[in-house]
Amino acid sequence: MSRRRHDPNVCGVTAALAVVDGKWKTSLLWLLESGPLRPAELRRRLPGLSEKVLTQALREMETDGLVDREVYDVLPLKTVYSLTGFGRDLAEALGPLSDWGHRRLERLTGAQPVS
């Protein structure tokens, strides 16, 4: 686990980005904004995401307080992940960063003049 995640002396932006570091966490956050999902559904919606990496990312996100994991005692066991209030706060905070990223991509493709 990254030391930056828990260091109170690090920049707040760095601390925030540390919890979504990696290829899949922002995509998982985005998908879970629409509501609770089972792991198989998350994998279907994210082609290329292995079960191992999904499990690791969700565990880290749970440890960081971003997602809740609920296991239903039925056969077969049913596990559902959803965003916590803290996770929703992060998703909302990342909205403007996402908008900036889309503008950057438009500039890179020449769709928007550089100002």
C-alpha atoms as a PDB file:
ATOM      1  CA  MET A   1       0.000   0.000   0.000  1.00  0.00           C
ATOM      2  CA  SER A   2       1.291   3.435  -0.897  1.00  0.00           C
ATOM      3  CA  ARG A   3       2.679   5.546   1.919  1.00  0.00           C
ATOM      4  CA  ARG A   4       1.079   8.594   0.275  1.00  0.00           C
ATOM      5  CA  ARG A   5      -2.384   7.265   1.092  1.00  0.00           C
ATOM      6  CA  HIS A   6      -1.880   7.777   4.818  1.00  0.00           C
ATOM      7  CA  ASP A   7       0.734  10.537   5.065  1.00  0.00           C
ATOM      8  CA  PRO A   8      -0.931  13.633   6.610  1.00  0.00           C
ATOM      9  CA  ASN A   9       1.884  15.826   5.289  1.00  0.00           C
ATOM     10  CA  VAL A  10       1.277  15.140   1.609  1.00  0.00           C
ATOM     11  CA  CYS A  11      -0.669  17.404  -0.757  1.00  0.00           C
ATOM     12  CA  GLY A  12      -4.431  16.754  -0.611  1.00  0.00           C
ATOM     13  CA  VAL A  13      -4.644  16.170  -4.366  1.00  0.00           C
ATOM     14  CA  THR A  14      -1.868  13.583  -4.139  1.00  0.00           C
ATOM     15  CA  ALA A  15      -3.664  11.863  -1.265  1.00  0.00           C
ATOM     16  CA  ALA A  16      -6.923  11.795  -3.233  1.00  0.00           C
ATOM     17  CA  LEU A  17      -5.314  10.476  -6.409  1.00  0.00           C
ATOM     18  CA  ALA A  18      -3.478   7.783  -4.454  1.00  0.00           C
ATOM     19  CA  VAL A  19      -6.770   6.013  -3.680  1.00  0.00           C
ATOM     20  CA  VAL A  20      -7.750   5.853  -7.362  1.00  0.00           C
ATOM     21  CA  ASP A  21      -4.264   5.043  -8.608  1.00  0.00           C
ATOM     22  CA  GLY A  22      -4.176   2.252 -11.140  1.00  0.00           C
ATOM     23  CA  LYS A  23      -5.816   1.368 -14.408  1.00  0.00           C
ATOM     24  CA  TRP A  24      -9.246   0.241 -13.171  1.00  0.00           C
ATOM     25  CA  LYS A  25     -10.261   2.111 -10.018  1.00  0.00           C
ATOM     26  CA  THR A  26     -11.643   5.211 -11.711  1.00  0.00           C
ATOM     27  CA  SER A  27     -13.650   3.019 -14.101  1.00  0.00           C
ATOM     28  CA  LEU A  28     -15.003   0.991 -11.175  1.00  0.00           C
ATOM     29  CA  LEU A  29     -15.907   4.195  -9.352  1.00  0.00           C
ATOM     30  CA  TRP A  30     -17.692   5.471 -12.455  1.00  0.00           C
ATOM     31  CA  LEU A  31     -19.652   2.231 -12.927  1.00  0.00           C
ATOM     32  CA  LEU A  32     -20.666   2.009  -9.281  1.00  0.00           C
ATOM     33  CA  GLU A  33     -22.033   5.572  -9.419  1.00  0.00           C
ATOM     34  CA  SER A  34     -25.038   4.137 -11.267  1.00  0.00           C
ATOM     35  CA  GLY A  35     -25.821   1.732  -8.424  1.00  0.00           C
ATOM     36  CA  PRO A  36     -24.766  -1.534  -6.777  1.00  0.00           C
ATOM     37  CA  LEU A  37     -23.234  -4.187  -9.030  1.00  0.00           C
ATOM     38  CA  ARG A  38     -22.051  -7.753  -8.710  1.00  0.00           C
ATOM     39  CA  PRO A  39     -18.417  -8.569  -9.575  1.00  0.00           C
ATOM     40  CA  ALA A  40     -19.415 -10.501 -12.718  1.00  0.00           C
ATOM     41  CA  GLU A  41     -21.304  -7.460 -14.007  1.00  0.00           C
ATOM     42  CA  LEU A  42     -18.310  -5.218 -13.362  1.00  0.00           C
ATOM     43  CA  ARG A  43     -16.084  -7.609 -15.332  1.00  0.00           C
ATOM     44  CA  ARG A  44     -18.580  -7.731 -18.228  1.00  0.00           C
ATOM     45  CA  ARG A  45     -18.597  -3.956 -18.417  1.00  0.00           C
ATOM     46  CA  LEU A  46     -14.806  -3.692 -18.277  1.00  0.00           C
ATOM     47  CA  PRO A  47     -13.337  -6.029 -20.896  1.00  0.00           C
ATOM     48  CA  GLY A  48      -9.732  -6.880 -20.128  1.00  0.00           C
ATOM     49  CA  LEU A  49     -10.176  -6.688 -16.359  1.00  0.00           C
ATOM     50  CA  SER A  50      -9.144  -9.988 -14.794  1.00  0.00           C
ATOM     51  CA  GLU A  51     -10.922 -11.458 -11.786  1.00  0.00           C
ATOM     52  CA  LYS A  52      -7.724 -11.209  -9.746  1.00  0.00           C
ATOM     53  CA  VAL A  53      -7.187  -7.523 -10.493  1.00  0.00           C
ATOM     54  CA  LEU A  54     -10.887  -6.764  -9.911  1.00  0.00           C
ATOM     55  CA  THR A  55     -10.783  -8.454  -6.515  1.00  0.00           C
ATOM     56  CA  GLN A  56      -7.608  -6.599  -5.548  1.00  0.00           C
ATOM     57  CA  ALA A  57      -8.958  -3.212  -6.670  1.00  0.00           C
ATOM     58  CA  LEU A  58     -12.285  -3.706  -4.880  1.00  0.00           C
ATOM     59  CA  ARG A  59     -10.528  -4.795  -1.673  1.00  0.00           C
ATOM     60  CA  GLU A  60      -8.314  -1.700  -1.758  1.00  0.00           C
ATOM     61  CA  MET A  61     -11.317   0.518  -2.449  1.00  0.00           C
ATOM     62  CA  GLU A  62     -13.163  -1.122   0.452  1.00  0.00           C
ATOM     63  CA  THR A  63     -10.166  -0.564   2.750  1.00  0.00           C
ATOM     64  CA  ASP A  64     -10.065   3.087   1.664  1.00  0.00           C
ATOM     65  CA  GLY A  65     -13.773   3.460   2.515  1.00  0.00           C
ATOM     66  CA  LEU A  66     -14.925   4.010  -1.068  1.00  0.00           C
ATOM     67  CA  VAL A  67     -17.054   0.889  -1.544  1.00  0.00           C
ATOM     68  CA  ASP A  68     -19.224  -1.364   0.576  1.00  0.00           C
ATOM     69  CA  ARG A  69     -19.262  -5.112   0.029  1.00  0.00           C
ATOM     70  CA  GLU A  70     -22.461  -6.919   0.903  1.00  0.00           C
ATOM     71  CA  VAL A  71     -22.631 -10.705   0.867  1.00  0.00           C
ATOM     72  CA  TYR A  72     -26.070 -12.317   0.766  1.00  0.00           C
ATOM     73  CA  ASP A  73     -26.421 -15.700   2.434  1.00  0.00           C
ATOM     74  CA  VAL A  74     -28.013 -17.509  -0.494  1.00  0.00           C
ATOM     75  CA  LEU A  75     -26.765 -20.375  -2.615  1.00  0.00           C
ATOM     76  CA  PRO A  76     -24.696 -19.595  -4.528  1.00  0.00           C
ATOM     77  CA  LEU A  77     -23.377 -16.712  -2.439  1.00  0.00           C
ATOM     78  CA  LYS A  78     -24.262 -13.334  -3.876  1.00  0.00           C
ATOM     79  CA  THR A  79     -21.830 -10.436  -3.450  1.00  0.00           C
ATOM     80  CA  VAL A  80     -22.747  -6.863  -4.346  1.00  0.00           C
ATOM     81  CA  TYR A  81     -20.550  -3.764  -4.314  1.00  0.00           C
ATOM     82  CA  SER A  82     -21.811  -0.213  -3.939  1.00  0.00           C
ATOM     83  CA  LEU A  83     -20.297   3.198  -3.304  1.00  0.00           C
ATOM     84  CA  THR A  84     -20.202   4.543   0.225  1.00  0.00           C
ATOM     85  CA  GLY A  85     -21.029   8.176   0.900  1.00  0.00           C
ATOM     86  CA  PHE A  86     -17.280   8.807   0.973  1.00  0.00           C
ATOM     87  CA  GLY A  87     -16.953   7.107  -2.419  1.00  0.00           C
ATOM     88  CA  ARG A  88     -19.761   9.253  -3.839  1.00  0.00           C
ATOM     89  CA  ASP A  89     -17.982  12.347  -2.520  1.00  0.00           C
ATOM     90  CA  LEU A  90     -14.837  11.290  -4.371  1.00  0.00           C
ATOM     91  CA  ALA A  91     -16.762  10.539  -7.577  1.00  0.00           C
ATOM     92  CA  GLU A  92     -18.342  13.990  -7.403  1.00  0.00           C
ATOM     93  CA  ALA A  93     -14.972  15.634  -6.747  1.00  0.00           C
ATOM     94  CA  LEU A  94     -13.463  13.833  -9.755  1.00  0.00           C
ATOM     95  CA  GLY A  95     -16.185  15.180 -12.088  1.00  0.00           C
ATOM     96  CA  PRO A  96     -14.370  18.454 -12.889  1.00  0.00           C
ATOM     97  CA  LEU A  97     -11.106  16.546 -13.357  1.00  0.00           C
ATOM     98  CA  SER A  98     -12.886  14.271 -15.833  1.00  0.00           C
ATOM     99  CA  ASP A  99     -14.209  17.314 -17.708  1.00  0.00           C
ATOM    100  CA  TRP A 100     -10.680  18.726 -17.861  1.00  0.00           C
ATOM    101  CA  GLY A 101      -9.398  15.386 -19.167  1.00  0.00           C
ATOM    102  CA  HIS A 102     -11.978  15.353 -21.969  1.00  0.00           C
ATOM    103  CA  ARG A 103     -11.011  18.907 -22.947  1.00  0.00           C
ATOM    104  CA  ARG A 104      -7.358  17.825 -23.005  1.00  0.00           C
ATOM    105  CA  LEU A 105      -8.177  14.887 -25.275  1.00  0.00           C
ATOM    106  CA  GLU A 106     -10.071  17.210 -27.624  1.00  0.00           C
ATOM    107  CA  ARG A 107      -7.025  19.485 -27.790  1.00  0.00           C
ATOM    108  CA  LEU A 108      -4.738  16.541 -28.516  1.00  0.00           C
ATOM    109  CA  THR A 109      -6.915  15.388 -31.393  1.00  0.00           C
ATOM    110  CA  GLY A 110      -7.062  18.907 -32.831  1.00  0.00           C
ATOM    111  CA  ALA A 111     -10.790  19.243 -32.229  1.00  0.00           C
ATOM    112  CA  GLN A 112     -10.263  22.396 -30.163  1.00  0.00           C
ATOM    113  CA  PRO A 113      -7.749  25.210 -30.641  1.00  0.00           C
ATOM    114  CA  VAL A 114      -5.062  25.605 -27.992  1.00  0.00           C
ATOM    115  CA  SER A 115      -5.676  28.737 -25.923  1.00  0.00           C
END
